[in-house]
N, C-alpha and C. Protein backbone atom coordinates (compact mmCIF):
# COMPACT_ATOMS: atom_id res chain seq x y z
N UNK A 1 -45.71 -7.78 68.03
CA UNK A 1 -45.27 -7.21 66.78
C UNK A 1 -43.99 -6.41 67.03
N UNK A 2 -43.02 -6.55 66.13
CA UNK A 2 -41.78 -5.80 66.24
C UNK A 2 -41.98 -4.39 65.70
N UNK A 3 -41.36 -3.44 66.37
CA UNK A 3 -41.36 -2.08 65.86
C UNK A 3 -40.15 -1.91 64.95
N UNK A 4 -40.33 -1.19 63.87
CA UNK A 4 -39.24 -0.92 62.94
C UNK A 4 -38.93 0.57 63.00
N UNK A 5 -37.67 0.88 63.22
CA UNK A 5 -37.24 2.26 63.28
C UNK A 5 -36.30 2.54 62.12
N UNK A 6 -36.45 3.68 61.50
CA UNK A 6 -35.55 4.09 60.43
C UNK A 6 -34.79 5.31 60.89
N UNK A 7 -33.48 5.31 60.67
CA UNK A 7 -32.64 6.42 61.08
C UNK A 7 -31.76 6.84 59.91
N UNK A 8 -31.40 8.10 59.89
CA UNK A 8 -30.44 8.61 58.92
C UNK A 8 -29.08 8.57 59.58
N UNK A 9 -28.22 7.64 59.16
CA UNK A 9 -26.91 7.48 59.76
C UNK A 9 -25.82 8.25 59.01
N UNK A 10 -26.18 9.11 58.09
CA UNK A 10 -25.16 9.86 57.37
C UNK A 10 -24.40 10.75 58.35
N UNK A 11 -23.10 10.68 58.30
CA UNK A 11 -22.25 11.45 59.19
C UNK A 11 -22.00 10.80 60.54
N UNK A 12 -22.63 9.66 60.82
CA UNK A 12 -22.43 8.97 62.08
C UNK A 12 -21.19 8.10 61.96
N UNK A 13 -20.25 8.25 62.89
CA UNK A 13 -19.02 7.48 62.83
C UNK A 13 -19.13 6.14 63.55
N UNK A 14 -20.01 6.05 64.53
CA UNK A 14 -20.19 4.79 65.22
C UNK A 14 -21.55 4.75 65.88
N UNK A 15 -22.03 3.55 66.14
CA UNK A 15 -23.28 3.37 66.85
C UNK A 15 -23.28 1.98 67.47
N UNK A 16 -24.14 1.77 68.43
CA UNK A 16 -24.30 0.45 69.04
C UNK A 16 -25.69 -0.03 68.72
N UNK A 17 -25.78 -1.21 68.13
CA UNK A 17 -27.07 -1.82 67.83
C UNK A 17 -27.27 -2.94 68.83
N UNK A 18 -28.26 -2.81 69.68
CA UNK A 18 -28.51 -3.85 70.66
C UNK A 18 -29.80 -4.56 70.31
N UNK A 19 -29.70 -5.84 70.08
CA UNK A 19 -30.85 -6.67 69.71
C UNK A 19 -30.85 -7.88 70.63
N UNK A 20 -31.75 -7.91 71.55
CA UNK A 20 -31.77 -9.02 72.50
C UNK A 20 -30.54 -8.96 73.38
N UNK A 21 -29.83 -10.09 73.49
CA UNK A 21 -28.65 -10.14 74.35
C UNK A 21 -27.37 -9.88 73.57
N UNK A 22 -27.44 -9.64 72.28
CA UNK A 22 -26.25 -9.46 71.46
C UNK A 22 -26.18 -8.02 70.97
N UNK A 23 -25.00 -7.58 70.64
CA UNK A 23 -24.87 -6.25 70.09
C UNK A 23 -23.67 -6.18 69.16
N UNK A 24 -23.71 -5.19 68.29
CA UNK A 24 -22.58 -4.91 67.41
C UNK A 24 -22.22 -3.46 67.63
N UNK A 25 -21.01 -3.20 68.04
CA UNK A 25 -20.54 -1.84 68.25
C UNK A 25 -19.62 -1.50 67.09
N UNK A 26 -20.06 -0.58 66.23
CA UNK A 26 -19.28 -0.28 65.04
C UNK A 26 -18.03 0.53 65.34
N UNK A 27 -17.95 1.13 66.54
CA UNK A 27 -16.75 1.89 66.88
C UNK A 27 -15.60 0.94 67.23
N UNK A 28 -15.88 -0.07 68.03
CA UNK A 28 -14.83 -1.01 68.44
C UNK A 28 -14.91 -2.33 67.69
N UNK A 29 -16.04 -2.63 67.12
CA UNK A 29 -16.32 -3.85 66.36
C UNK A 29 -16.36 -5.11 67.20
N UNK A 30 -15.71 -5.12 68.34
CA UNK A 30 -15.73 -6.29 69.22
C UNK A 30 -15.46 -7.58 68.47
N UNK A 31 -14.59 -7.53 67.48
CA UNK A 31 -14.26 -8.72 66.71
C UNK A 31 -15.14 -8.94 65.49
N UNK A 32 -16.22 -8.16 65.37
CA UNK A 32 -17.13 -8.29 64.22
C UNK A 32 -16.56 -7.54 63.02
N UNK A 33 -16.79 -8.09 61.84
CA UNK A 33 -16.35 -7.46 60.59
C UNK A 33 -17.59 -7.20 59.75
N UNK A 34 -17.81 -5.96 59.39
CA UNK A 34 -18.96 -5.62 58.56
C UNK A 34 -18.80 -6.23 57.18
N UNK A 35 -19.88 -6.72 56.59
CA UNK A 35 -19.80 -7.28 55.24
C UNK A 35 -19.48 -6.19 54.23
N UNK A 36 -19.75 -4.94 54.59
CA UNK A 36 -19.39 -3.83 53.71
C UNK A 36 -17.88 -3.59 53.73
N UNK A 37 -17.25 -3.93 54.85
CA UNK A 37 -15.80 -3.75 54.98
C UNK A 37 -15.04 -4.88 54.29
N UNK A 38 -15.48 -6.13 54.56
CA UNK A 38 -14.76 -7.29 54.02
C UNK A 38 -15.61 -8.53 54.16
N UNK A 39 -15.46 -9.44 53.23
CA UNK A 39 -16.14 -10.74 53.28
C UNK A 39 -15.12 -11.81 53.63
N UNK A 40 -15.56 -12.91 54.24
CA UNK A 40 -14.61 -13.99 54.51
C UNK A 40 -14.21 -14.68 53.22
N UNK A 41 -13.14 -15.47 53.28
CA UNK A 41 -12.77 -16.27 52.12
C UNK A 41 -13.89 -17.25 51.82
N UNK A 42 -14.13 -17.51 50.55
CA UNK A 42 -15.17 -18.48 50.19
C UNK A 42 -14.75 -19.85 50.65
N UNK A 43 -15.63 -20.48 51.42
CA UNK A 43 -15.33 -21.78 52.00
C UNK A 43 -16.61 -22.37 52.58
N UNK A 44 -16.64 -23.67 52.73
CA UNK A 44 -17.75 -24.31 53.42
C UNK A 44 -17.47 -24.44 54.91
N UNK A 45 -16.35 -23.88 55.37
CA UNK A 45 -16.09 -23.79 56.80
C UNK A 45 -16.95 -22.69 57.39
N UNK A 46 -17.47 -22.91 58.57
CA UNK A 46 -18.38 -21.95 59.19
C UNK A 46 -17.66 -20.74 59.78
N UNK A 47 -18.38 -19.64 59.81
CA UNK A 47 -18.03 -18.45 60.57
C UNK A 47 -19.28 -18.10 61.37
N UNK A 48 -19.16 -17.17 62.29
CA UNK A 48 -20.32 -16.70 63.03
C UNK A 48 -20.83 -15.45 62.32
N UNK A 49 -22.09 -15.46 61.96
CA UNK A 49 -22.69 -14.31 61.27
C UNK A 49 -23.80 -13.70 62.09
N UNK A 50 -23.98 -12.39 61.95
CA UNK A 50 -25.12 -11.71 62.59
C UNK A 50 -26.21 -11.60 61.54
N UNK A 51 -27.31 -12.32 61.77
CA UNK A 51 -28.43 -12.34 60.84
C UNK A 51 -29.42 -11.24 61.22
N UNK A 52 -29.57 -10.27 60.35
CA UNK A 52 -30.46 -9.14 60.62
C UNK A 52 -31.91 -9.59 60.68
N UNK A 53 -32.30 -10.60 59.89
CA UNK A 53 -33.68 -11.09 59.91
C UNK A 53 -34.04 -11.69 61.27
N UNK A 54 -33.14 -12.51 61.82
CA UNK A 54 -33.42 -13.21 63.08
C UNK A 54 -32.94 -12.43 64.30
N UNK A 55 -32.14 -11.39 64.07
CA UNK A 55 -31.55 -10.59 65.14
C UNK A 55 -30.78 -11.46 66.12
N UNK A 56 -29.92 -12.32 65.56
CA UNK A 56 -29.11 -13.20 66.39
C UNK A 56 -27.91 -13.72 65.60
N UNK A 57 -27.00 -14.33 66.34
CA UNK A 57 -25.83 -14.97 65.72
C UNK A 57 -26.21 -16.34 65.21
N UNK A 58 -25.54 -16.78 64.16
CA UNK A 58 -25.74 -18.13 63.67
C UNK A 58 -24.47 -18.58 62.93
N UNK A 59 -24.31 -19.89 62.82
CA UNK A 59 -23.19 -20.43 62.07
C UNK A 59 -23.56 -20.43 60.59
N UNK A 60 -22.72 -19.80 59.77
CA UNK A 60 -23.00 -19.69 58.34
C UNK A 60 -21.73 -19.96 57.55
N UNK A 61 -21.90 -20.19 56.27
CA UNK A 61 -20.78 -20.32 55.35
C UNK A 61 -20.94 -19.26 54.26
N UNK A 62 -19.81 -18.81 53.73
CA UNK A 62 -19.85 -17.90 52.58
C UNK A 62 -19.22 -18.66 51.41
N UNK A 63 -20.05 -19.00 50.44
CA UNK A 63 -19.57 -19.83 49.33
C UNK A 63 -20.38 -19.50 48.08
N UNK A 64 -19.70 -19.44 46.95
CA UNK A 64 -20.37 -19.14 45.69
C UNK A 64 -20.94 -17.73 45.65
N UNK A 65 -20.30 -16.82 46.41
CA UNK A 65 -20.74 -15.43 46.41
C UNK A 65 -21.99 -15.16 47.22
N UNK A 66 -22.38 -16.14 48.09
CA UNK A 66 -23.55 -15.90 48.93
C UNK A 66 -23.40 -16.59 50.27
N UNK A 67 -24.19 -16.13 51.22
CA UNK A 67 -24.22 -16.71 52.55
C UNK A 67 -25.13 -17.92 52.55
N UNK A 68 -24.69 -18.98 53.21
CA UNK A 68 -25.48 -20.21 53.30
C UNK A 68 -25.82 -20.52 54.75
N UNK A 69 -27.07 -20.88 54.96
CA UNK A 69 -27.55 -21.30 56.28
C UNK A 69 -28.40 -22.54 56.08
N UNK A 70 -28.05 -23.61 56.76
CA UNK A 70 -28.82 -24.86 56.68
C UNK A 70 -29.08 -25.29 55.24
N UNK A 71 -28.02 -25.51 54.53
CA UNK A 71 -28.09 -25.98 53.14
C UNK A 71 -28.87 -25.00 52.25
N UNK A 72 -28.80 -23.72 52.59
CA UNK A 72 -29.40 -22.66 51.77
C UNK A 72 -30.91 -22.81 51.60
N UNK A 73 -31.58 -23.28 52.64
CA UNK A 73 -33.03 -23.46 52.57
C UNK A 73 -33.80 -22.32 53.21
N UNK A 74 -33.10 -21.43 53.91
CA UNK A 74 -33.77 -20.36 54.62
C UNK A 74 -33.22 -19.00 54.20
N UNK A 75 -34.08 -17.98 54.15
CA UNK A 75 -33.57 -16.63 53.83
C UNK A 75 -32.68 -16.13 54.96
N UNK A 76 -31.67 -15.37 54.60
CA UNK A 76 -30.71 -14.89 55.59
C UNK A 76 -30.17 -13.54 55.12
N UNK A 77 -29.90 -12.67 56.06
CA UNK A 77 -29.28 -11.38 55.73
C UNK A 77 -28.17 -11.12 56.73
N UNK A 78 -26.97 -11.54 56.38
CA UNK A 78 -25.80 -11.36 57.24
C UNK A 78 -25.27 -9.95 57.04
N UNK A 79 -25.13 -9.20 58.16
CA UNK A 79 -24.62 -7.83 58.06
C UNK A 79 -23.22 -7.70 58.65
N UNK A 80 -22.81 -8.72 59.45
CA UNK A 80 -21.46 -8.74 60.02
C UNK A 80 -21.11 -10.18 60.33
N UNK A 81 -19.81 -10.46 60.43
CA UNK A 81 -19.36 -11.81 60.68
C UNK A 81 -18.09 -11.77 61.50
N UNK A 82 -17.72 -12.92 62.04
CA UNK A 82 -16.45 -13.04 62.75
C UNK A 82 -15.99 -14.49 62.66
N UNK A 83 -14.68 -14.70 62.68
CA UNK A 83 -14.19 -16.07 62.65
C UNK A 83 -14.58 -16.82 63.91
N UNK A 84 -14.60 -18.13 63.83
CA UNK A 84 -14.86 -18.94 65.02
C UNK A 84 -13.69 -18.78 65.99
N UNK A 85 -13.98 -18.81 67.29
CA UNK A 85 -12.89 -18.72 68.26
C UNK A 85 -12.06 -20.00 68.25
N UNK A 86 -10.90 -19.93 68.87
CA UNK A 86 -10.07 -21.12 69.02
C UNK A 86 -10.81 -22.14 69.87
N UNK A 87 -10.59 -23.44 69.64
CA UNK A 87 -11.29 -24.44 70.45
C UNK A 87 -10.85 -24.39 71.91
N UNK A 88 -11.72 -24.84 72.78
CA UNK A 88 -11.42 -24.89 74.21
C UNK A 88 -10.32 -25.90 74.47
N UNK A 89 -9.39 -25.50 75.31
CA UNK A 89 -8.32 -26.39 75.74
C UNK A 89 -8.25 -26.32 77.26
N UNK A 90 -8.56 -27.41 77.95
CA UNK A 90 -8.52 -27.36 79.42
C UNK A 90 -7.11 -27.06 79.91
N UNK A 91 -7.06 -26.34 81.02
CA UNK A 91 -5.76 -26.03 81.61
C UNK A 91 -5.11 -27.31 82.10
N UNK A 92 -3.82 -27.39 81.94
CA UNK A 92 -3.09 -28.56 82.42
C UNK A 92 -2.17 -28.09 83.54
N UNK A 93 -2.19 -28.82 84.63
CA UNK A 93 -1.32 -28.47 85.75
C UNK A 93 -0.62 -29.71 86.26
N UNK A 94 0.52 -29.51 86.85
CA UNK A 94 1.31 -30.59 87.45
C UNK A 94 1.58 -31.73 86.49
N UNK A 95 1.88 -31.42 85.25
CA UNK A 95 2.26 -32.44 84.28
C UNK A 95 1.15 -33.31 83.79
N UNK A 96 -0.09 -32.97 84.06
CA UNK A 96 -1.23 -33.79 83.59
C UNK A 96 -1.60 -33.45 82.20
């Protein structure tokens, strides 16, 4: 069973939330954007979202004023998001 903790964050300027192997640091953001700060442009292109229900990252879309996961068949609560990184490009050396 998961333990649930409630805290009063009034007056707190930053905190680190560590859930499993992932974390969100509100002081540095580490590339994460809070949904309270800004939402991505509406699109069916994916972004990486932090799902508070699952306590993990997942690929999601923001479209029609809501977050979509797997064709909108599952409940989701995205609290932060970040754009996808640039695709991998292998290093090229010696003219290859």
